[in-house]
Amino acid sequence: MTTTALVWFVIGLVSIVAVLALLIALIRHLMVLGRAARRFQEEVTPIAGDISALSDRASSRSKGLSPGRPPGR
């Protein structure tokens, strides 16, 4: 094996190791992102339910108002 071939072989191995390291880091970050998204969903769902219930309540109350009568009287 010539010196040139050996140098290219080493460069190829180093490149493969670098790509694998980046791939592993990407997978770890995706896992962290997935956990954060799941936690966000768990925390936001009850609040969104409350907002939806209040919106429904406000909508039903606004339908009960007559168009000729001003609100609050």
Protein backbone atom coordinates (compact mmCIF):
# COMPACT_ATOMS: atom_id res chain seq x y z
CA MET A 1 0.00 0.00 0.00
CA THR A 2 1.43 3.35 -1.00
CA THR A 3 1.66 6.36 1.26
CA THR A 4 -0.98 8.22 -0.75
CA ALA A 5 -3.47 5.38 -0.40
CA LEU A 6 -2.77 5.14 3.31
CA VAL A 7 -3.38 8.89 3.76
CA TRP A 8 -6.71 8.66 1.88
CA PHE A 9 -7.69 5.63 3.93
CA VAL A 10 -7.01 7.51 7.19
CA ILE A 11 -8.90 10.57 5.94
CA GLY A 12 -11.84 8.32 5.04
CA LEU A 13 -11.85 6.69 8.47
CA VAL A 14 -11.67 10.04 10.25
CA SER A 15 -14.53 11.34 8.09
CA ILE A 16 -16.68 8.30 8.87
CA VAL A 17 -16.03 8.70 12.60
CA ALA A 18 -16.91 12.41 12.42
CA VAL A 19 -20.16 11.73 10.55
CA LEU A 20 -21.11 9.01 13.04
CA ALA A 21 -20.42 11.35 15.96
CA LEU A 22 -22.64 14.02 14.39
CA LEU A 23 -25.36 11.45 13.73
CA ILE A 24 -25.28 10.29 17.34
CA ALA A 25 -25.47 13.91 18.55
CA LEU A 26 -28.40 14.56 16.21
CA ILE A 27 -30.28 11.53 17.51
CA ARG A 28 -29.69 12.61 21.12
CA HIS A 29 -30.98 16.11 20.35
CA LEU A 30 -34.06 14.67 18.64
CA MET A 31 -34.79 12.59 21.74
CA VAL A 32 -34.46 15.67 23.97
CA LEU A 33 -36.71 17.64 21.63
CA GLY A 34 -39.30 14.86 21.69
CA ARG A 35 -39.33 14.80 25.50
CA ALA A 36 -39.66 18.59 25.63
CA ALA A 37 -42.55 18.55 23.15
CA ARG A 38 -44.32 15.83 25.13
CA ARG A 39 -43.89 17.78 28.38
CA PHE A 40 -45.11 20.98 26.70
CA GLN A 41 -48.20 19.13 25.44
CA GLU A 42 -48.92 17.77 28.92
CA GLU A 43 -48.69 21.24 30.43
CA VAL A 44 -50.68 23.07 27.75
CA THR A 45 -53.57 20.61 27.34
CA PRO A 46 -55.37 21.51 30.61
CA ILE A 47 -55.02 25.23 29.93
CA ALA A 48 -56.33 24.81 26.39
CA GLY A 49 -59.30 22.88 27.78
CA ASP A 50 -60.06 25.70 30.21
CA ILE A 51 -59.86 28.27 27.44
CA SER A 52 -62.16 26.18 25.25
CA ALA A 53 -64.71 25.81 28.06
CA LEU A 54 -64.66 29.53 28.77
CA SER A 55 -65.03 30.27 25.06
CA ASP A 56 -68.04 27.97 24.83
CA ARG A 57 -69.57 29.60 27.89
CA ALA A 58 -69.01 33.10 26.50
CA SER A 59 -70.47 32.05 23.15
CA SER A 60 -73.61 30.63 24.76
CA ARG A 61 -74.02 33.76 26.88
CA SER A 62 -73.64 36.05 23.87
CA LYS A 63 -76.33 34.11 21.99
CA GLY A 64 -78.72 34.78 24.88
CA LEU A 65 -78.42 38.53 24.50
CA SER A 66 -81.07 40.17 22.35
CA PRO A 67 -79.78 42.40 19.55
CA GLY A 68 -81.92 45.40 20.56
CA ARG A 69 -80.93 45.41 24.21
CA PRO A 70 -77.52 46.78 25.26
CA PRO A 71 -75.44 44.43 27.44
CA GLY A 72 -75.42 44.94 31.18
CA ARG A 73 -79.04 45.99 31.62
